[in-house]
All heavy atoms as atom14 arrays in JSON, in Angstrom:
{
  "sequence": "QIDPTNPLIEWEELYYTLEDRPVCFVRIFFNPHFMKLCMLRKVSKFR",
  "atom14_mask": [
    [1, 1, 1, 1, 1, 1, 1, 1, 1, 0, 0, 0, 0, 0],
    [1, 1, 1, 1, 1, 1, 1, 1, 0, 0, 0, 0, 0, 0],
    [1, 1, 1, 1, 1, 1, 1, 1, 0, 0, 0, 0, 0, 0],
    [1, 1, 1, 1, 1, 1, 1, 0, 0, 0, 0, 0, 0, 0],
    [1, 1, 1, 1, 1, 1, 1, 0, 0, 0, 0, 0, 0, 0],
    [1, 1, 1, 1, 1, 1, 1, 1, 0, 0, 0, 0, 0, 0],
    [1, 1, 1, 1, 1, 1, 1, 0, 0, 0, 0, 0, 0, 0],
    [1, 1, 1, 1, 1, 1, 1, 1, 0, 0, 0, 0, 0, 0],
    [1, 1, 1, 1, 1, 1, 1, 1, 0, 0, 0, 0, 0, 0],
    [1, 1, 1, 1, 1, 1, 1, 1, 1, 0, 0, 0, 0, 0],
    [1, 1, 1, 1, 1, 1, 1, 1, 1, 1, 1, 1, 1, 1],
    [1, 1, 1, 1, 1, 1, 1, 1, 1, 0, 0, 0, 0, 0],
    [1, 1, 1, 1, 1, 1, 1, 1, 1, 0, 0, 0, 0, 0],
    [1, 1, 1, 1, 1, 1, 1, 1, 0, 0, 0, 0, 0, 0],
    [1, 1, 1, 1, 1, 1, 1, 1, 1, 1, 1, 1, 0, 0],
    [1, 1, 1, 1, 1, 1, 1, 1, 1, 1, 1, 1, 0, 0],
    [1, 1, 1, 1, 1, 1, 1, 0, 0, 0, 0, 0, 0, 0],
    [1, 1, 1, 1, 1, 1, 1, 1, 0, 0, 0, 0, 0, 0],
    [1, 1, 1, 1, 1, 1, 1, 1, 1, 0, 0, 0, 0, 0],
    [1, 1, 1, 1, 1, 1, 1, 1, 0, 0, 0, 0, 0, 0],
    [1, 1, 1, 1, 1, 1, 1, 1, 1, 1, 1, 0, 0, 0],
    [1, 1, 1, 1, 1, 1, 1, 0, 0, 0, 0, 0, 0, 0],
    [1, 1, 1, 1, 1, 1, 1, 0, 0, 0, 0, 0, 0, 0],
    [1, 1, 1, 1, 1, 1, 0, 0, 0, 0, 0, 0, 0, 0],
    [1, 1, 1, 1, 1, 1, 1, 1, 1, 1, 1, 0, 0, 0],
    [1, 1, 1, 1, 1, 1, 1, 0, 0, 0, 0, 0, 0, 0],
    [1, 1, 1, 1, 1, 1, 1, 1, 1, 1, 1, 0, 0, 0],
    [1, 1, 1, 1, 1, 1, 1, 1, 0, 0, 0, 0, 0, 0],
    [1, 1, 1, 1, 1, 1, 1, 1, 1, 1, 1, 0, 0, 0],
    [1, 1, 1, 1, 1, 1, 1, 1, 1, 1, 1, 0, 0, 0],
    [1, 1, 1, 1, 1, 1, 1, 1, 0, 0, 0, 0, 0, 0],
    [1, 1, 1, 1, 1, 1, 1, 0, 0, 0, 0, 0, 0, 0],
    [1, 1, 1, 1, 1, 1, 1, 1, 1, 1, 0, 0, 0, 0],
    [1, 1, 1, 1, 1, 1, 1, 1, 1, 1, 1, 0, 0, 0],
    [1, 1, 1, 1, 1, 1, 1, 1, 0, 0, 0, 0, 0, 0],
    [1, 1, 1, 1, 1, 1, 1, 1, 1, 0, 0, 0, 0, 0],
    [1, 1, 1, 1, 1, 1, 1, 1, 0, 0, 0, 0, 0, 0],
    [1, 1, 1, 1, 1, 1, 0, 0, 0, 0, 0, 0, 0, 0],
    [1, 1, 1, 1, 1, 1, 1, 1, 0, 0, 0, 0, 0, 0],
    [1, 1, 1, 1, 1, 1, 1, 1, 0, 0, 0, 0, 0, 0],
    [1, 1, 1, 1, 1, 1, 1, 1, 1, 1, 1, 0, 0, 0],
    [1, 1, 1, 1, 1, 1, 1, 1, 1, 0, 0, 0, 0, 0],
    [1, 1, 1, 1, 1, 1, 1, 0, 0, 0, 0, 0, 0, 0],
    [1, 1, 1, 1, 1, 1, 0, 0, 0, 0, 0, 0, 0, 0],
    [1, 1, 1, 1, 1, 1, 1, 1, 1, 0, 0, 0, 0, 0],
    [1, 1, 1, 1, 1, 1, 1, 1, 1, 1, 1, 0, 0, 0],
    [1, 1, 1, 1, 1, 1, 1, 1, 1, 1, 1, 0, 0, 0]
  ],
  "atom14_positions": [
    [[15.67, 6.8, -8.83], [16.19, 7.12, -10.15], [15.06, 7.44, -11.13], [14.97, 6.88, -12.22], [17.07, 5.97, -10.67], [18.29, 5.71, -9.81], [19.09, 4.51, -10.26], [18.91, 3.99, -11.36], [20.02, 4.06, -9.42], [0.0, 0.0, 0.0], [0.0, 0.0, 0.0], [0.0, 0.0, 0.0], [0.0, 0.0, 0.0], [0.0, 0.0, 0.0]],
    [[14.19, 8.33, -10.7], [13.08, 8.8, -11.54], [13.12, 10.32, -11.56], [13.82, 10.98, -10.78], [11.72, 8.31, -11.01], [11.49, 8.79, -9.57], [11.62, 6.79, -11.09], [10.15, 8.4, -9.0], [0.0, 0.0, 0.0], [0.0, 0.0, 0.0], [0.0, 0.0, 0.0], [0.0, 0.0, 0.0], [0.0, 0.0, 0.0], [0.0, 0.0, 0.0]],
    [[12.34, 10.91, -12.49], [12.3, 12.36, -12.59], [11.63, 12.97, -11.37], [10.7, 12.41, -10.83], [11.52, 12.77, -13.84], [12.25, 12.38, -15.11], [13.5, 12.26, -15.07], [11.57, 12.16, -16.14], [0.0, 0.0, 0.0], [0.0, 0.0, 0.0], [0.0, 0.0, 0.0], [0.0, 0.0, 0.0], [0.0, 0.0, 0.0], [0.0, 0.0, 0.0]],
    [[12.11, 14.13, -10.92], [11.44, 14.84, -9.82], [9.98, 15.14, -10.19], [9.65, 15.36, -11.36], [12.25, 16.12, -9.68], [13.58, 15.8, -10.27], [13.32, 14.83, -11.38], [0.0, 0.0, 0.0], [0.0, 0.0, 0.0], [0.0, 0.0, 0.0], [0.0, 0.0, 0.0], [0.0, 0.0, 0.0], [0.0, 0.0, 0.0], [0.0, 0.0, 0.0]],
    [[9.14, 15.13, -9.21], [7.68, 15.32, -9.33], [7.01, 14.19, -10.1], [5.86, 14.32, -10.51], [7.33, 16.68, -9.99], [7.69, 16.64, -11.38], [8.04, 17.82, -9.29], [0.0, 0.0, 0.0], [0.0, 0.0, 0.0], [0.0, 0.0, 0.0], [0.0, 0.0, 0.0], [0.0, 0.0, 0.0], [0.0, 0.0, 0.0], [0.0, 0.0, 0.0]],
    [[7.69, 13.07, -10.28], [7.05, 11.91, -10.9], [5.98, 11.38, -9.95], [6.23, 11.21, -8.77], [8.1, 10.81, -11.14], [7.64, 9.8, -12.19], [7.98, 9.91, -13.35], [6.88, 8.81, -11.75], [0.0, 0.0, 0.0], [0.0, 0.0, 0.0], [0.0, 0.0, 0.0], [0.0, 0.0, 0.0], [0.0, 0.0, 0.0], [0.0, 0.0, 0.0]],
    [[4.76, 11.1, -10.45], [3.73, 10.57, -9.56], [4.07, 9.18, -9.06], [4.59, 8.34, -9.81], [2.46, 10.56, -10.44], [2.96, 10.52, -11.85], [4.26, 11.29, -11.83], [0.0, 0.0, 0.0], [0.0, 0.0, 0.0], [0.0, 0.0, 0.0], [0.0, 0.0, 0.0], [0.0, 0.0, 0.0], [0.0, 0.0, 0.0], [0.0, 0.0, 0.0]],
    [[3.78, 8.93, -7.79], [4.09, 7.66, -7.15], [2.88, 7.2, -6.34], [2.02, 7.97, -5.97], [5.28, 7.8, -6.19], [6.64, 8.21, -6.76], [7.61, 8.42, -5.6], [7.16, 7.14, -7.69], [0.0, 0.0, 0.0], [0.0, 0.0, 0.0], [0.0, 0.0, 0.0], [0.0, 0.0, 0.0], [0.0, 0.0, 0.0], [0.0, 0.0, 0.0]],
    [[2.89, 5.9, -6.06], [1.97, 5.35, -5.06], [2.73, 5.21, -3.76], [3.79, 4.58, -3.71], [1.4, 3.98, -5.5], [0.49, 4.14, -6.72], [0.63, 3.34, -4.35], [-0.76, 4.96, -6.44], [0.0, 0.0, 0.0], [0.0, 0.0, 0.0], [0.0, 0.0, 0.0], [0.0, 0.0, 0.0], [0.0, 0.0, 0.0], [0.0, 0.0, 0.0]],
    [[2.2, 5.81, -2.71], [2.77, 5.67, -1.37], [1.9, 4.69, -0.6], [0.67, 4.78, -0.6], [2.81, 7.01, -0.65], [3.36, 6.93, 0.76], [3.35, 8.27, 1.46], [3.17, 9.31, 0.77], [3.51, 8.29, 2.69], [0.0, 0.0, 0.0], [0.0, 0.0, 0.0], [0.0, 0.0, 0.0], [0.0, 0.0, 0.0], [0.0, 0.0, 0.0]],
    [[2.55, 3.73, 0.05], [1.87, 2.68, 0.84], [2.25, 2.92, 2.28], [3.41, 2.82, 2.66], [2.36, 1.33, 0.32], [2.03, 0.09, 1.07], [1.96, -0.11, 2.41], [1.78, -1.21, 0.49], [1.69, -1.41, 2.73], [1.58, -2.1, 1.56], [1.75, -1.69, -0.81], [1.33, -3.47, 1.35], [1.51, -3.03, -1.01], [1.29, -3.9, 0.04]],
    [[1.28, 3.29, 3.12], [1.52, 3.48, 4.53], [0.94, 2.31, 5.32], [-0.2, 1.92, 5.09], [0.89, 4.79, 5.03], [1.54, 6.03, 4.41], [1.01, 7.31, 4.95], [-0.05, 7.29, 5.63], [1.64, 8.36, 4.73], [0.0, 0.0, 0.0], [0.0, 0.0, 0.0], [0.0, 0.0, 0.0], [0.0, 0.0, 0.0], [0.0, 0.0, 0.0]],
    [[1.77, 1.75, 6.17], [1.43, 0.48, 6.84], [1.63, 0.63, 8.34], [2.73, 1.01, 8.8], [2.31, -0.63, 6.27], [1.89, -2.03, 6.59], [2.65, -3.03, 5.73], [3.9, -2.92, 5.63], [2.01, -3.93, 5.17], [0.0, 0.0, 0.0], [0.0, 0.0, 0.0], [0.0, 0.0, 0.0], [0.0, 0.0, 0.0], [0.0, 0.0, 0.0]],
    [[0.59, 0.33, 9.12], [0.67, 0.47, 10.57], [0.39, -0.9, 11.21], [-0.66, -1.49, 10.99], [-0.37, 1.49, 11.07], [-0.35, 1.86, 12.55], [1.01, 2.43, 12.96], [-1.45, 2.86, 12.86], [0.0, 0.0, 0.0], [0.0, 0.0, 0.0], [0.0, 0.0, 0.0], [0.0, 0.0, 0.0], [0.0, 0.0, 0.0], [0.0, 0.0, 0.0]],
    [[1.38, -1.4, 11.97], [1.28, -2.71, 12.57], [0.75, -2.63, 14.0], [1.15, -1.74, 14.76], [2.67, -3.39, 12.6], [3.14, -3.84, 11.25], [3.79, -2.96, 10.39], [2.93, -5.15, 10.82], [4.22, -3.37, 9.13], [3.36, -5.57, 9.56], [4.0, -4.67, 8.74], [4.42, -5.08, 7.5], [0.0, 0.0, 0.0], [0.0, 0.0, 0.0]],
    [[-0.12, -3.58, 14.34], [-0.78, -3.62, 15.66], [-0.47, -4.93, 16.37], [-0.35, -5.99, 15.74], [-2.3, -3.48, 15.53], [-2.77, -2.1, 15.14], [-2.81, -1.73, 13.79], [-3.18, -1.19, 16.09], [-3.26, -0.47, 13.43], [-3.63, 0.07, 15.74], [-3.67, 0.43, 14.39], [-4.12, 1.68, 14.03], [0.0, 0.0, 0.0], [0.0, 0.0, 0.0]],
    [[-0.4, -4.85, 17.71], [-0.2, -6.04, 18.54], [-1.55, -6.72, 18.81], [-2.62, -6.22, 18.42], [0.44, -5.68, 19.88], [-0.51, -4.89, 20.63], [1.71, -4.88, 19.67], [0.0, 0.0, 0.0], [0.0, 0.0, 0.0], [0.0, 0.0, 0.0], [0.0, 0.0, 0.0], [0.0, 0.0, 0.0], [0.0, 0.0, 0.0], [0.0, 0.0, 0.0]],
    [[-1.51, -7.87, 19.5], [-2.73, -8.54, 19.89], [-3.63, -7.65, 20.75], [-4.87, -7.76, 20.71], [-2.4, -9.81, 20.68], [-2.0, -11.05, 19.88], [-1.68, -12.2, 20.83], [-3.09, -11.47, 18.92], [0.0, 0.0, 0.0], [0.0, 0.0, 0.0], [0.0, 0.0, 0.0], [0.0, 0.0, 0.0], [0.0, 0.0, 0.0], [0.0, 0.0, 0.0]],
    [[-2.98, -6.75, 21.53], [-3.75, -5.82, 22.36], [-4.22, -4.61, 21.57], [-4.73, -3.64, 22.16], [-2.9, -5.37, 23.56], [-2.61, -6.48, 24.58], [-1.52, -7.43, 24.1], [-0.73, -7.05, 23.2], [-1.47, -8.56, 24.62], [0.0, 0.0, 0.0], [0.0, 0.0, 0.0], [0.0, 0.0, 0.0], [0.0, 0.0, 0.0], [0.0, 0.0, 0.0]],
    [[-4.06, -4.64, 20.26], [-4.49, -3.57, 19.36], [-3.74, -2.28, 19.62], [-4.29, -1.18, 19.5], [-6.0, -3.35, 19.45], [-6.59, -2.86, 18.14], [-6.09, -3.28, 17.08], [-7.53, -2.07, 18.16], [0.0, 0.0, 0.0], [0.0, 0.0, 0.0], [0.0, 0.0, 0.0], [0.0, 0.0, 0.0], [0.0, 0.0, 0.0], [0.0, 0.0, 0.0]],
    [[-2.48, -2.4, 19.95], [-1.63, -1.24, 20.18], [-0.72, -1.03, 18.98], [-0.04, -1.97, 18.55], [-0.8, -1.44, 21.45], [0.07, -0.26, 21.81], [0.66, -0.45, 23.2], [1.52, -1.62, 23.26], [2.8, -1.61, 23.0], [3.42, -0.5, 22.6], [3.53, -2.72, 23.1], [0.0, 0.0, 0.0], [0.0, 0.0, 0.0], [0.0, 0.0, 0.0]],
    [[-0.67, 0.17, 18.4], [0.24, 0.41, 17.26], [1.68, 0.29, 17.7], [2.08, 0.89, 18.72], [-0.1, 1.81, 16.81], [-0.73, 2.47, 18.01], [-1.42, 1.37, 18.74], [0.0, 0.0, 0.0], [0.0, 0.0, 0.0], [0.0, 0.0, 0.0], [0.0, 0.0, 0.0], [0.0, 0.0, 0.0], [0.0, 0.0, 0.0], [0.0, 0.0, 0.0]],
    [[2.47, -0.5, 16.97], [3.83, -0.79, 17.41], [4.89, -0.34, 16.39], [6.04, -0.11, 16.76], [3.98, -2.29, 17.73], [3.95, -3.12, 16.44], [5.25, -2.59, 18.51], [0.0, 0.0, 0.0], [0.0, 0.0, 0.0], [0.0, 0.0, 0.0], [0.0, 0.0, 0.0], [0.0, 0.0, 0.0], [0.0, 0.0, 0.0], [0.0, 0.0, 0.0]],
    [[4.48, -0.18, 15.13], [5.46, 0.12, 14.09], [4.74, 0.73, 12.9], [3.63, 0.33, 12.54], [6.19, -1.16, 13.69], [7.22, -1.02, 12.22], [0.0, 0.0, 0.0], [0.0, 0.0, 0.0], [0.0, 0.0, 0.0], [0.0, 0.0, 0.0], [0.0, 0.0, 0.0], [0.0, 0.0, 0.0], [0.0, 0.0, 0.0], [0.0, 0.0, 0.0]],
    [[5.39, 1.73, 12.29], [4.84, 2.38, 11.1], [5.86, 2.27, 9.97], [7.06, 2.49, 10.2], [4.52, 3.85, 11.38], [4.02, 4.61, 10.19], [2.71, 4.5, 9.77], [4.87, 5.45, 9.48], [2.25, 5.2, 8.67], [4.42, 6.16, 8.39], [3.09, 6.04, 7.99], [0.0, 0.0, 0.0], [0.0, 0.0, 0.0], [0.0, 0.0, 0.0]],
    [[5.38, 1.97, 8.76], [6.28, 1.85, 7.6], [5.71, 2.68, 6.47], [4.5, 2.62, 6.16], [6.42, 0.38, 7.13], [7.48, 0.29, 6.03], [6.81, -0.54, 8.28], [0.0, 0.0, 0.0], [0.0, 0.0, 0.0], [0.0, 0.0, 0.0], [0.0, 0.0, 0.0], [0.0, 0.0, 0.0], [0.0, 0.0, 0.0], [0.0, 0.0, 0.0]],
    [[6.58, 3.48, 5.86], [6.2, 4.28, 4.7], [6.94, 3.75, 3.5], [8.18, 3.64, 3.51], [6.53, 5.75, 4.97], [6.19, 6.7, 3.86], [6.35, 8.14, 4.32], [5.15, 8.6, 5.0], [5.1, 9.71, 5.74], [6.19, 10.42, 5.95], [3.96, 10.08, 6.28], [0.0, 0.0, 0.0], [0.0, 0.0, 0.0], [0.0, 0.0, 0.0]],
    [[6.2, 3.41, 2.42], [6.78, 2.7, 1.28], [6.41, 3.42, -0.02], [5.28, 3.87, -0.19], [6.24, 1.24, 1.22], [6.46, 0.53, 2.57], [6.89, 0.45, 0.1], [5.5, -0.57, 2.85], [0.0, 0.0, 0.0], [0.0, 0.0, 0.0], [0.0, 0.0, 0.0], [0.0, 0.0, 0.0], [0.0, 0.0, 0.0], [0.0, 0.0, 0.0]],
    [[7.39, 3.49, -0.93], [7.17, 4.14, -2.23], [7.53, 3.17, -3.35], [8.56, 2.49, -3.28], [8.02, 5.41, -2.33], [7.72, 6.44, -1.28], [8.44, 6.43, -0.08], [6.75, 7.38, -1.47], [8.14, 7.36, 0.91], [6.46, 8.32, -0.49], [7.17, 8.31, 0.71], [0.0, 0.0, 0.0], [0.0, 0.0, 0.0], [0.0, 0.0, 0.0]],
    [[6.71, 3.13, -4.39], [6.86, 2.19, -5.49], [7.25, 2.93, -6.77], [6.61, 3.89, -7.17], [5.56, 1.42, -5.72], [5.13, 0.58, -4.55], [4.35, 1.1, -3.54], [5.56, -0.74, -4.44], [3.98, 0.34, -2.45], [5.17, -1.52, -3.35], [4.4, -0.97, -2.35], [0.0, 0.0, 0.0], [0.0, 0.0, 0.0], [0.0, 0.0, 0.0]],
    [[8.31, 2.42, -7.4], [8.77, 2.97, -8.66], [7.83, 2.47, -9.78], [7.76, 1.28, -10.05], [10.21, 2.51, -8.95], [10.8, 3.16, -10.18], [10.09, 3.56, -11.1], [12.12, 3.25, -10.22], [0.0, 0.0, 0.0], [0.0, 0.0, 0.0], [0.0, 0.0, 0.0], [0.0, 0.0, 0.0], [0.0, 0.0, 0.0], [0.0, 0.0, 0.0]],
    [[7.1, 3.37, -10.45], [6.12, 2.94, -11.46], [6.74, 2.27, -12.67], [6.06, 1.61, -13.43], [5.4, 4.23, -11.83], [6.38, 5.32, -11.51], [7.15, 4.84, -10.32], [0.0, 0.0, 0.0], [0.0, 0.0, 0.0], [0.0, 0.0, 0.0], [0.0, 0.0, 0.0], [0.0, 0.0, 0.0], [0.0, 0.0, 0.0], [0.0, 0.0, 0.0]],
    [[8.06, 2.42, -12.85], [8.73, 1.78, -13.99], [8.8, 0.27, -13.79], [8.93, -0.48, -14.77], [10.14, 2.34, -14.18], [10.17, 3.79, -14.51], [9.31, 4.38, -15.43], [10.94, 4.81, -14.04], [9.57, 5.68, -15.51], [10.56, 5.97, -14.67], [0.0, 0.0, 0.0], [0.0, 0.0, 0.0], [0.0, 0.0, 0.0], [0.0, 0.0, 0.0]],
    [[8.75, -0.19, -12.55], [8.85, -1.62, -12.26], [7.57, -2.2, -11.64], [7.22, -3.34, -11.9], [10.0, -1.89, -11.29], [11.35, -1.58, -11.83], [12.02, -0.41, -11.47], [12.0, -2.45, -12.71], [13.27, -0.11, -11.97], [13.25, -2.16, -13.21], [13.89, -0.98, -12.83], [0.0, 0.0, 0.0], [0.0, 0.0, 0.0], [0.0, 0.0, 0.0]],
    [[6.9, -1.41, -10.82], [5.85, -1.95, -9.99], [4.46, -1.59, -10.52], [4.11, -0.41, -10.63], [5.98, -1.43, -8.55], [7.37, -1.67, -7.93], [7.86, -3.42, -7.95], [6.61, -4.12, -6.88], [0.0, 0.0, 0.0], [0.0, 0.0, 0.0], [0.0, 0.0, 0.0], [0.0, 0.0, 0.0], [0.0, 0.0, 0.0], [0.0, 0.0, 0.0]],
    [[3.69, -2.62, -10.85], [2.3, -2.45, -11.24], [1.48, -3.39, -10.37], [1.22, -4.54, -10.71], [2.09, -2.76, -12.74], [0.69, -2.42, -13.23], [0.53, -2.68, -14.71], [-0.87, -2.33, -15.19], [-1.03, -2.58, -16.64], [0.0, 0.0, 0.0], [0.0, 0.0, 0.0], [0.0, 0.0, 0.0], [0.0, 0.0, 0.0], [0.0, 0.0, 0.0]],
    [[1.09, -2.89, -9.22], [0.44, -3.71, -8.21], [-1.0, -3.99, -8.63], [-1.68, -3.15, -9.23], [0.44, -3.02, -6.85], [1.81, -2.53, -6.35], [1.67, -1.84, -5.02], [2.78, -3.7, -6.25], [0.0, 0.0, 0.0], [0.0, 0.0, 0.0], [0.0, 0.0, 0.0], [0.0, 0.0, 0.0], [0.0, 0.0, 0.0], [0.0, 0.0, 0.0]],
    [[-1.49, -5.16, -8.26], [-2.89, -5.48, -8.52], [-3.44, -6.33, -7.38], [-2.67, -6.87, -6.57], [-3.08, -6.2, -9.86], [-2.62, -7.94, -9.88], [0.0, 0.0, 0.0], [0.0, 0.0, 0.0], [0.0, 0.0, 0.0], [0.0, 0.0, 0.0], [0.0, 0.0, 0.0], [0.0, 0.0, 0.0], [0.0, 0.0, 0.0], [0.0, 0.0, 0.0]],
    [[-4.74, -6.44, -7.3], [-5.39, -7.34, -6.35], [-6.69, -7.82, -6.95], [-7.22, -7.21, -7.89], [-5.65, -6.63, -5.02], [-6.6, -5.47, -5.08], [-6.83, -4.67, -3.47], [-7.59, -6.0, -2.55], [0.0, 0.0, 0.0], [0.0, 0.0, 0.0], [0.0, 0.0, 0.0], [0.0, 0.0, 0.0], [0.0, 0.0, 0.0], [0.0, 0.0, 0.0]],
    [[-7.18, -8.93, -6.46], [-8.44, -9.51, -6.94], [-9.52, -9.22, -5.92], [-9.34, -9.47, -4.73], [-8.29, -11.0, -7.17], [-9.5, -11.72, -7.77], [-9.07, -12.8, -8.75], [-10.38, -12.34, -6.68], [0.0, 0.0, 0.0], [0.0, 0.0, 0.0], [0.0, 0.0, 0.0], [0.0, 0.0, 0.0], [0.0, 0.0, 0.0], [0.0, 0.0, 0.0]],
    [[-10.64, -8.68, -6.38], [-11.8, -8.47, -5.52], [-12.92, -9.36, -6.02], [-13.43, -9.17, -7.1], [-12.24, -7.0, -5.54], [-13.43, -6.71, -4.61], [-13.67, -5.22, -4.54], [-14.15, -4.68, -5.81], [-15.44, -4.63, -6.17], [-16.38, -5.12, -5.37], [-15.78, -4.11, -7.34], [0.0, 0.0, 0.0], [0.0, 0.0, 0.0], [0.0, 0.0, 0.0]],
    [[-13.27, -10.34, -5.2], [-14.35, -11.25, -5.59], [-15.69, -10.53, -5.53], [-15.95, -9.74, -4.6], [-14.36, -12.48, -4.66], [-13.07, -13.31, -4.76], [-13.17, -14.59, -3.95], [-14.11, -15.57, -4.61], [-14.07, -16.89, -3.93], [0.0, 0.0, 0.0], [0.0, 0.0, 0.0], [0.0, 0.0, 0.0], [0.0, 0.0, 0.0], [0.0, 0.0, 0.0]],
    [[-16.51, -10.82, -6.52], [-17.82, -10.17, -6.6], [-18.83, -10.97, -5.81], [-18.97, -12.19, -5.97], [-18.28, -10.05, -8.07], [-19.68, -9.49, -8.14], [-17.31, -9.17, -8.85], [0.0, 0.0, 0.0], [0.0, 0.0, 0.0], [0.0, 0.0, 0.0], [0.0, 0.0, 0.0], [0.0, 0.0, 0.0], [0.0, 0.0, 0.0], [0.0, 0.0, 0.0]],
    [[-19.52, -10.29, -4.9], [-20.58, -10.95, -4.13], [-21.9, -10.24, -4.46], [-21.98, -9.03, -4.45], [-20.3, -10.87, -2.63], [-20.17, -9.53, -2.22], [0.0, 0.0, 0.0], [0.0, 0.0, 0.0], [0.0, 0.0, 0.0], [0.0, 0.0, 0.0], [0.0, 0.0, 0.0], [0.0, 0.0, 0.0], [0.0, 0.0, 0.0], [0.0, 0.0, 0.0]],
    [[-22.89, -11.04, -4.75], [-24.19, -10.48, -5.1], [-25.08, -10.45, -3.89], [-25.16, -11.38, -3.11], [-24.82, -11.33, -6.21], [-24.03, -11.34, -7.51], [-24.72, -12.18, -8.56], [-23.89, -12.2, -9.86], [-24.49, -13.04, -10.9], [0.0, 0.0, 0.0], [0.0, 0.0, 0.0], [0.0, 0.0, 0.0], [0.0, 0.0, 0.0], [0.0, 0.0, 0.0]],
    [[-25.75, -9.33, -3.71], [-26.65, -9.19, -2.56], [-27.81, -8.28, -2.97], [-27.71, -7.5, -3.89], [-25.91, -8.61, -1.35], [-25.3, -7.26, -1.59], [-26.0, -6.1, -1.31], [-24.0, -7.16, -2.11], [-25.44, -4.87, -1.55], [-23.45, -5.91, -2.35], [-24.17, -4.77, -2.06], [0.0, 0.0, 0.0], [0.0, 0.0, 0.0], [0.0, 0.0, 0.0]],
    [[-28.87, -8.39, -2.21], [-30.05, -7.57, -2.45], [-29.98, -6.33, -1.59], [-29.62, -6.38, -0.42], [-31.33, -8.36, -2.14], [-31.53, -9.57, -3.05], [-32.82, -10.28, -2.71], [-33.02, -11.47, -3.53], [-33.59, -11.46, -4.7], [-34.0, -10.33, -5.22], [-33.72, -12.57, -5.39], [0.0, 0.0, 0.0], [0.0, 0.0, 0.0], [0.0, 0.0, 0.0]]
  ]
}
């Protein structure tokens, strides 16, 4: 329920087994009116 050509974030997810074999693929789209995803990246200092 958004305008056509509205920019979206697409999340593509590929699941692997213990044997590292791809078993399932999921394509996901987020409505920007509701979803504002974030994540925390810890800062590590190195030389």
